[in-house]
Protein backbone atom coordinates (compact mmCIF):
# COMPACT_ATOMS: atom_id res chain seq x y z
CA MET A 1 4.95 -12.67 -11.88
CA GLU A 2 8.01 -13.49 -9.81
CA GLN A 3 7.43 -16.10 -7.15
CA TYR A 4 8.96 -16.29 -3.70
CA LEU A 5 12.28 -18.02 -4.18
CA GLU A 6 14.17 -18.96 -1.03
CA PRO A 7 17.93 -18.47 -1.19
CA PRO A 8 19.92 -21.56 -0.18
CA GLU A 9 20.76 -22.40 3.40
CA ILE A 10 18.22 -20.11 5.07
CA ARG A 11 17.80 -20.85 8.73
CA THR A 12 14.59 -19.64 10.28
CA ILE A 13 14.44 -18.28 13.82
CA SER A 14 11.97 -19.02 16.59
CA THR A 15 11.95 -15.65 18.34
CA ALA A 16 13.83 -12.37 18.24
CA ARG A 17 13.63 -8.87 19.57
CA VAL A 18 12.32 -6.75 16.68
CA VAL A 19 12.86 -3.01 16.89
CA ARG A 20 10.76 -1.26 14.26
CA ILE A 21 11.37 2.41 13.40
CA VAL A 22 8.38 4.24 11.90
CA PRO A 23 7.30 7.89 11.57
CA GLU A 24 4.03 7.33 13.46
CA TYR A 25 2.22 4.41 15.03
CA ALA A 26 -1.50 3.95 15.46
CA GLY A 27 -3.07 0.76 16.74
CA GLY A 28 -6.31 -1.02 15.92
CA ALA A 29 -8.99 0.96 14.11
CA ARG A 30 -6.83 4.10 14.27
CA ALA A 31 -4.45 2.59 11.70
CA SER A 32 -6.47 3.80 8.77
CA TYR A 33 -4.34 5.30 6.02
CA GLY A 34 -1.01 5.20 4.23
CA LEU A 35 1.42 2.73 5.76
CA GLN A 36 -0.21 2.75 9.21
CA PRO A 37 -2.00 -0.60 8.63
CA VAL A 38 1.34 -2.11 7.56
CA TYR A 39 3.13 -1.06 10.75
CA TYR A 40 0.26 -2.17 12.96
CA ASN A 41 -0.69 -5.49 11.35
CA LEU A 42 2.87 -6.73 10.83
CA SER A 43 3.86 -5.80 14.40
CA LYS A 44 0.76 -7.46 15.85
CA VAL A 45 1.27 -10.74 13.95
CA GLN A 46 4.97 -10.83 14.85
CA ALA A 47 4.08 -10.38 18.53
CA MET A 48 1.48 -13.17 18.24
CA ASN A 49 4.22 -15.37 16.75
CA GLY A 50 6.35 -14.94 19.85
CA HIS A 51 8.69 -12.13 18.87
CA GLU A 52 9.37 -9.33 21.33
CA VAL A 53 8.27 -6.41 19.20
CA HIS A 54 9.23 -2.82 19.97
CA VAL A 55 8.21 0.17 17.86
CA ILE A 56 9.99 3.52 17.99
CA ALA A 57 7.88 6.36 16.60
CA ARG A 58 7.64 10.12 16.73
CA ARG A 59 5.52 11.34 19.64
CA ARG A 60 2.58 13.56 18.79
CA SER A 61 0.71 15.69 21.32
CA ALA A 62 -1.43 13.75 23.81
CA GLU A 63 0.10 10.41 22.76
CA PRO A 64 1.63 8.26 25.54
CA ALA A 65 5.41 7.96 25.59
CA LEU A 66 5.11 4.23 26.31
CA GLU A 67 2.26 1.80 25.79
CA THR A 68 1.61 -1.83 24.95
CA ASP A 69 -0.89 -2.36 22.12
CA ASP A 70 -1.87 -5.92 21.08
CA GLY A 71 1.39 -7.23 22.50
CA VAL A 72 3.49 -4.57 20.77
CA ILE A 73 5.57 -2.25 22.97
CA VAL A 74 5.41 1.26 21.53
CA HIS A 75 8.03 3.86 22.44
CA ARG A 76 7.25 7.40 21.30
CA VAL A 77 10.05 9.93 21.40
CA GLY A 78 10.04 13.69 21.01
CA ASN A 79 12.30 16.04 19.07
CA PRO A 80 15.03 15.89 18.07
CA PHE A 81 13.66 12.63 16.70
CA THR A 82 16.92 11.33 15.23
CA LEU A 83 18.87 11.70 18.46
CA ASN A 84 16.12 10.35 20.72
CA ALA A 85 15.28 7.46 18.40
CA LEU A 86 18.96 6.47 18.18
CA THR A 87 19.29 6.58 21.98
CA LYS A 88 16.22 4.38 22.42
CA LEU A 89 17.38 2.05 19.67
CA ARG A 90 20.77 1.50 21.31
CA GLU A 91 19.06 0.84 24.65
CA LEU A 92 16.81 -1.83 23.14
CA THR A 93 19.46 -3.64 21.08
CA MET A 94 22.34 -3.75 23.55
CA ASN A 95 21.06 -6.62 25.69
CA GLY A 96 18.56 -9.44 25.67
CA SER A 97 17.38 -11.64 22.79
CA PRO A 98 19.00 -11.52 19.36
CA SER A 99 17.83 -8.20 17.92
CA VAL A 100 16.89 -6.99 14.45
CA VAL A 101 16.33 -3.36 13.48
CA HIS A 102 13.46 -3.12 11.00
CA THR A 103 13.06 0.19 9.14
CA HIS A 104 10.29 1.30 6.78
CA SER A 105 10.82 3.59 3.79
CA THR A 106 13.52 6.07 4.92
CA THR A 107 12.53 6.49 8.55
CA GLY A 108 15.75 5.60 10.35
CA ALA A 109 17.95 7.03 7.61
CA PHE A 110 20.39 8.06 10.38
CA LEU A 111 21.40 4.41 10.54
CA ALA A 112 23.40 4.87 7.34
CA ALA A 113 25.90 6.95 9.35
CA THR A 114 25.76 4.90 12.57
CA LYS A 115 25.69 1.38 11.15
CA ARG A 116 29.27 0.58 12.23
CA THR A 117 28.35 1.27 15.83
CA MET A 118 25.20 -0.85 15.83
CA SER A 119 25.12 -4.28 17.43
CA ALA A 120 22.06 -5.46 15.52
CA PRO A 121 21.54 -6.11 11.79
CA ILE A 122 19.26 -3.86 9.76
CA VAL A 123 16.36 -4.96 7.56
CA SER A 124 14.93 -2.14 5.46
CA HIS A 125 11.36 -2.47 4.20
CA VAL A 126 10.99 -0.58 0.91
CA HIS A 127 7.41 0.35 0.01
CA GLY A 128 8.32 2.46 -3.01
CA THR A 129 11.23 4.33 -4.54
CA THR A 130 11.56 8.00 -5.48
CA TYR A 131 13.65 7.10 -8.52
CA SER A 132 11.79 4.41 -10.43
CA VAL A 133 10.62 3.29 -13.82
CA ALA A 134 7.93 5.97 -13.38
CA THR A 135 10.24 9.00 -13.08
CA PRO A 136 10.56 11.62 -14.35
CA VAL A 137 6.97 12.52 -15.16
CA VAL A 138 4.79 15.61 -15.38
CA LEU A 139 1.05 15.13 -14.82
CA SER A 140 -1.37 17.88 -15.75
CA PHE A 141 -5.15 18.09 -15.74
CA GLY A 142 -6.94 21.36 -16.26
CA GLY A 143 -5.10 24.03 -14.30
CA ILE A 144 -3.53 21.50 -11.91
CA ARG A 145 0.01 20.39 -12.58
CA VAL A 146 2.38 18.09 -10.73
CA GLY A 147 5.87 18.48 -12.08
CA TYR A 148 9.13 16.65 -11.77
CA SER A 149 11.60 18.26 -9.38
CA ARG A 150 15.15 17.19 -10.20
CA TRP A 151 16.35 18.58 -6.86
CA GLY A 152 13.62 16.82 -4.88
CA VAL A 153 14.22 13.47 -6.58
CA THR A 154 17.99 13.78 -6.20
CA THR A 155 17.92 14.56 -2.48
CA SER A 156 15.43 11.77 -1.81
CA PHE A 157 17.47 9.36 -3.90
CA ILE A 158 20.64 10.13 -1.90
CA ARG A 159 18.81 9.56 1.40
CA GLU A 160 17.21 6.33 0.20
CA LYS A 161 20.37 4.87 -1.31
CA ALA A 162 22.40 5.65 1.83
CA LEU A 163 20.00 3.73 4.12
CA TRP A 164 19.22 0.86 1.79
CA SER A 165 22.86 0.34 0.87
CA ALA A 166 23.74 0.16 4.57
CA ALA A 167 21.01 -2.38 5.34
CA ASP A 168 21.90 -6.04 5.69
CA ARG A 169 18.76 -7.09 3.82
CA ILE A 170 15.97 -5.27 1.97
CA ALA A 171 12.32 -6.35 1.78
CA ALA A 172 10.88 -5.05 -1.51
CA VAL A 173 7.07 -5.02 -1.74
CA SER A 174 6.86 -5.82 -5.45
CA THR A 175 8.84 -7.07 -8.40
CA SER A 176 8.79 -3.52 -9.79
CA VAL A 177 10.35 -2.10 -6.60
CA LYS A 178 12.88 -4.96 -6.55
CA SER A 179 13.89 -4.12 -10.12
CA ASP A 180 14.24 -0.41 -9.33
CA LEU A 181 16.46 -1.14 -6.34
CA SER A 182 18.90 -3.19 -8.38
CA ARG A 183 18.82 -1.28 -11.67
CA ARG A 184 18.45 2.30 -10.48
CA TYR A 185 19.96 2.23 -6.99
CA GLY A 186 22.76 -0.22 -7.74
CA ILE A 187 21.88 -2.50 -4.83
CA SER A 188 22.96 -6.10 -5.16
CA ASP A 189 20.21 -8.59 -5.88
CA ASP A 190 21.81 -10.85 -3.28
CA LYS A 191 20.39 -8.82 -0.42
CA ILE A 192 16.95 -7.95 -1.87
CA ARG A 193 14.04 -10.17 -0.96
CA LEU A 194 10.51 -9.99 -2.35
CA VAL A 195 7.89 -9.49 0.37
CA TYR A 196 4.42 -8.49 -0.80
CA ASN A 197 2.23 -6.33 1.38
CA GLY A 198 -0.60 -7.98 3.28
CA VAL A 199 -4.25 -7.56 4.11
CA ASP A 200 -6.35 -8.54 7.10
CA SER A 201 -8.45 -11.22 5.40
CA GLU A 202 -10.76 -11.46 8.42
CA LEU A 203 -11.62 -7.74 8.28
CA PHE A 204 -11.65 -7.62 4.47
CA ARG A 205 -14.17 -10.26 3.46
CA PRO A 206 -17.46 -10.30 1.54
CA ILE A 207 -20.35 -8.78 3.51
CA GLU A 208 -23.79 -10.03 2.50
CA ASN A 209 -25.73 -6.91 3.50
CA PRO A 210 -23.22 -4.05 3.55
CA GLU A 211 -24.17 -0.90 5.40
CA PHE A 212 -22.93 2.56 4.40
CA PRO A 213 -24.42 6.07 4.43
CA GLU A 214 -24.87 6.31 0.65
CA LYS A 215 -26.74 2.99 0.36
CA SER A 216 -30.05 4.43 -0.82
CA ALA A 217 -28.37 6.37 -3.63
CA VAL A 218 -26.78 3.26 -5.21
CA GLU A 219 -29.35 0.56 -4.42
CA GLY A 220 -30.11 -1.46 -7.54
CA LYS A 221 -27.09 -0.02 -9.34
CA LYS A 222 -23.92 -1.65 -10.63
CA VAL A 223 -21.23 0.20 -8.71
CA VAL A 224 -17.80 0.88 -10.12
CA LEU A 225 -15.65 1.67 -7.07
CA TYR A 226 -12.45 3.69 -6.76
CA VAL A 227 -10.57 3.84 -3.43
CA GLY A 228 -7.58 6.10 -2.87
CA HIS A 229 -6.73 9.78 -2.66
CA PHE A 230 -7.75 12.10 -5.50
CA GLY A 231 -4.23 13.17 -6.55
CA LEU A 232 -3.22 13.32 -10.20
CA ARG A 233 -1.10 10.16 -10.08
CA LYS A 234 -4.23 8.12 -9.43
CA GLY A 235 -5.74 8.84 -12.87
CA ILE A 236 -9.32 9.57 -11.75
CA PRO A 237 -9.98 11.92 -14.73
CA PHE A 238 -9.49 8.98 -17.10
CA LEU A 239 -11.89 6.87 -15.06
CA ILE A 240 -14.53 9.63 -15.19
CA ARG A 241 -14.12 9.88 -18.97
CA ALA A 242 -14.39 6.11 -19.25
CA MET A 243 -17.66 6.20 -17.32
CA LYS A 244 -19.27 8.19 -20.13
CA THR A 245 -18.96 5.06 -22.29
CA VAL A 246 -19.70 2.66 -19.45
CA THR A 247 -23.02 4.35 -18.55
CA LYS A 248 -24.15 4.14 -22.18
CA GLU A 249 -23.36 0.41 -22.35
CA VAL A 250 -24.59 -0.33 -18.81
CA PRO A 251 -27.25 2.32 -18.04
CA ASN A 252 -27.67 1.40 -14.37
CA SER A 253 -23.95 1.79 -13.58
CA VAL A 254 -22.52 4.45 -11.26
CA LEU A 255 -19.03 5.41 -10.13
CA VAL A 256 -18.27 5.89 -6.43
CA CYS A 257 -14.88 7.40 -5.60
CA VAL A 258 -13.74 7.12 -1.97
CA GLY A 259 -10.68 8.89 -0.60
CA GLY A 260 -10.87 12.65 -0.88
CA VAL A 261 -7.94 15.04 -1.14
CA PRO A 262 -5.11 14.74 1.38
CA SER A 263 -3.73 17.79 3.18
CA TRP A 264 -0.64 18.07 0.98
CA LEU A 265 -2.73 18.80 -2.14
CA PRO A 266 -4.78 21.93 -3.02
CA LYS A 267 -8.11 20.54 -1.89
CA MET A 268 -10.56 22.95 -3.53
CA ASP A 269 -8.71 22.87 -6.86
CA TYR A 270 -9.05 19.09 -7.10
CA TRP A 271 -12.69 18.92 -6.05
CA SER A 272 -13.58 21.72 -8.48
CA TYR A 273 -11.73 20.13 -11.39
CA LEU A 274 -13.26 16.69 -10.86
CA ASN A 275 -16.79 18.08 -10.41
CA GLY A 276 -16.31 20.11 -13.59
CA LEU A 277 -15.21 16.97 -15.44
CA ILE A 278 -18.34 15.14 -14.21
CA GLU A 279 -20.53 17.95 -15.60
CA GLN A 280 -18.67 18.09 -18.93
CA ASN A 281 -19.23 14.35 -19.47
CA ASP A 282 -22.96 14.47 -18.55
CA LEU A 283 -22.36 12.27 -15.50
CA VAL A 284 -24.08 14.35 -12.81
CA GLY A 285 -25.87 11.87 -10.53
CA LYS A 286 -23.80 8.99 -11.90
CA VAL A 287 -20.51 9.82 -10.15
CA MET A 288 -20.12 10.30 -6.40
CA LEU A 289 -17.01 11.82 -4.86
CA LEU A 290 -16.65 10.87 -1.20
CA ASP A 291 -14.04 11.77 1.41
CA ARG A 292 -11.82 9.28 3.20
CA VAL A 293 -13.53 6.31 4.92
CA PRO A 294 -12.07 4.62 8.04
CA ASN A 295 -10.35 1.29 7.35
CA GLU A 296 -12.84 -0.79 9.30
CA ARG A 297 -15.73 0.53 7.17
CA LEU A 298 -14.11 -0.06 3.79
CA PRO A 299 -15.25 -3.72 3.49
CA ASN A 300 -18.82 -2.44 3.24
CA TYR A 301 -17.90 -0.30 0.23
CA TYR A 302 -16.00 -3.10 -1.49
CA SER A 303 -18.89 -5.50 -0.86
CA MET A 304 -21.51 -3.17 -2.33
CA SER A 305 -19.48 -2.72 -5.53
CA SER A 306 -19.34 -4.78 -8.71
CA VAL A 307 -15.70 -3.99 -9.49
CA LEU A 308 -12.79 -2.02 -8.03
CA VAL A 309 -10.89 0.22 -10.48
CA LEU A 310 -7.50 1.83 -9.85
CA PRO A 311 -6.35 3.70 -13.00
CA SER A 312 -3.06 5.00 -11.55
CA TYR A 313 -0.01 6.16 -13.45
CA TYR A 314 2.16 4.08 -11.11
CA GLU A 315 1.78 2.05 -7.91
CA ALA A 316 4.54 0.27 -5.97
CA PHE A 317 2.08 -2.28 -4.53
CA PRO A 318 -1.47 -0.94 -4.00
CA LYS A 319 -3.21 -2.36 -0.96
CA VAL A 320 -6.66 -1.42 -2.28
CA LEU A 321 -6.39 -4.11 -4.97
CA ILE A 322 -5.85 -6.92 -2.47
CA GLU A 323 -8.48 -5.45 -0.13
CA ALA A 324 -11.02 -5.65 -2.97
CA MET A 325 -9.84 -9.15 -3.88
CA ALA A 326 -10.24 -10.21 -0.24
CA CYS A 327 -13.86 -9.03 -0.50
CA GLU A 328 -14.30 -11.22 -3.62
CA ARG A 329 -14.43 -8.34 -6.07
CA PRO A 330 -12.63 -8.30 -9.43
CA ALA A 331 -10.02 -5.55 -9.80
CA ILE A 332 -8.99 -3.45 -12.79
CA SER A 333 -5.82 -1.40 -12.81
CA SER A 334 -3.14 0.09 -15.05
CA ARG A 335 -0.30 -2.26 -15.89
CA MET A 336 2.24 -0.04 -14.15
CA GLY A 337 4.49 -1.10 -11.27
CA GLY A 338 3.31 -3.53 -8.62
CA THR A 339 -0.26 -3.96 -9.87
CA GLN A 340 0.94 -6.93 -11.93
CA ASP A 341 1.94 -8.80 -8.74
CA SER A 342 -1.67 -9.03 -7.58
CA ILE A 343 -3.83 -8.93 -10.72
CA GLU A 344 -3.56 -11.86 -13.13
CA ASP A 345 -4.97 -10.39 -16.33
CA GLY A 346 -8.21 -12.11 -17.28
CA VAL A 347 -8.14 -14.35 -14.17
CA ASN A 348 -9.00 -12.19 -11.12
CA GLY A 349 -9.28 -8.87 -12.96
CA TYR A 350 -7.91 -6.92 -15.86
CA LEU A 351 -4.80 -4.85 -16.57
CA VAL A 352 -5.29 -1.86 -18.87
CA ASN A 353 -3.23 0.91 -20.44
CA PHE A 354 -2.72 4.07 -18.41
CA ALA A 355 -4.45 7.22 -19.72
CA ASP A 356 -6.66 5.17 -22.04
CA PRO A 357 -10.36 5.74 -21.20
CA ALA A 358 -11.46 3.45 -24.05
CA ASP A 359 -9.37 0.51 -22.79
CA LEU A 360 -10.58 1.16 -19.26
CA ALA A 361 -14.22 1.32 -20.35
CA ARG A 362 -13.92 -1.98 -22.25
CA ALA A 363 -12.63 -3.80 -19.16
CA ILE A 364 -15.29 -2.31 -16.88
CA VAL A 365 -18.15 -3.08 -19.27
CA THR A 366 -16.92 -6.68 -19.69
CA VAL A 367 -17.12 -7.24 -15.93
CA LEU A 368 -20.44 -5.43 -15.43
CA GLN A 369 -22.20 -7.31 -18.25
CA ASP A 370 -21.06 -10.80 -17.18
CA GLU A 371 -22.02 -11.51 -13.57
CA GLY A 372 -20.73 -15.08 -13.78
CA LEU A 373 -17.32 -13.83 -14.85
CA ALA A 374 -17.33 -11.26 -12.06
CA ARG A 375 -18.18 -13.90 -9.43
CA ARG A 376 -15.50 -16.25 -10.72
CA MET A 377 -12.86 -13.51 -10.74
CA GLY A 378 -13.91 -12.53 -7.21
CA ARG A 379 -13.56 -16.07 -5.88
CA LEU A 380 -10.14 -16.52 -7.50
CA GLY A 381 -9.04 -13.17 -6.12
CA ARG A 382 -9.99 -14.16 -2.57
CA GLN A 383 -8.14 -17.46 -2.98
CA LYS A 384 -5.02 -15.61 -4.09
CA VAL A 385 -5.19 -13.24 -1.13
CA VAL A 386 -5.52 -16.10 1.37
CA ARG A 387 -2.59 -17.88 -0.26
CA ASP A 388 -0.16 -14.98 -0.83
CA PHE A 389 -1.25 -11.75 0.83
CA THR A 390 -2.23 -12.33 4.45
CA TRP A 391 -0.19 -10.74 7.24
CA LYS A 392 0.71 -14.23 8.42
CA ALA A 393 2.28 -14.90 5.03
CA VAL A 394 4.14 -11.58 5.20
CA ALA A 395 5.41 -12.36 8.71
CA ARG A 396 6.66 -15.80 7.62
CA ARG A 397 8.63 -14.25 4.80
CA ILE A 398 10.06 -11.58 7.10
CA ASP A 399 11.07 -14.35 9.56
CA SER A 400 13.12 -15.99 6.83
CA ILE A 401 14.95 -12.70 6.26
CA TYR A 402 15.60 -12.33 10.00
CA GLY A 403 16.98 -15.86 9.93
CA GLU A 404 19.47 -14.86 7.25
CA VAL A 405 20.84 -11.86 9.11
CA LEU A 406 20.89 -13.37 12.60
CA VAL A 407 22.77 -16.61 11.86
CA ARG A 408 25.81 -15.03 10.22
């Protein structure tokens, strides 16, 4: 795993005006899915560290146009978003403290065309790439198929490359993303910095007596936990097939899948297919499919489990792995993409082959049958999170990038 390597002659900064551009912004407990916790936690820690943090986001109905949340000043603008966001951005970066524009994914792609007129440097935070080591791919289970759209990938690639090429520095969330940026997008390694995602280690911690609605159904069981949406990329069918072997080797084991089907997927098709797969593998009563759970309640689910399993085809840097590790639970995942930046195989969890139920079952059974191993892996996982994956650690790394672009 690549370590954080500081380029020579970095000068850190004490404070700056940070202007973050995001598609939506929710504070506190409302930051519950996707990249929302990233926007909120990083902004909050930067404000605590003395930065003047502004966030520009799209305004939804009933949301205030201006508010201060945990020291973060949030500006919400209406349509046309590009024009209004650019106007607000210019207003915030023209005067005052040294300013940095911080984009996430491709929100703020308009900066590629307006860069020459900007008075502040741009740092682009890349949480994943459309064109990666994982594309093209076609995933198909039952009657559900997710295909590769050459047009879709090409248009997204053009948009991404334009913004990220224009940026003064790029924060890549994993070694896999860093590699994709240089090899597939042609971006110079000189301006790419590795910045892992973070986790709130005070929220995500072991809970001695976890409380959750399904407690009576799993009491006395060894719980294999999955957290994430139920889309095909996540590989849940392979996990269900693996559980047929696991339940024979460990009769009191159950699988609990938390996450449900997001609005952009055909909800009933996915539920029906997964329930049918449970029946076909004689796992009725041994697999539970649950909808999405609010972020603040997830530590209870991690704490009631014996192991977290994420059998995805590809992940840029999955936050559920470090959330589970923060709760002192071993993690098992496919060795694809950014999973290898958090899981040290055989140390705090296991890496397995994608689409291989037998390999997955072997790893799960090993953890469930050796409680001492599971506890040791859990402790080491928590230690790794506290060392590498807290939001304070992320903010320090981001500060070093700001230092690079502001002292030129």
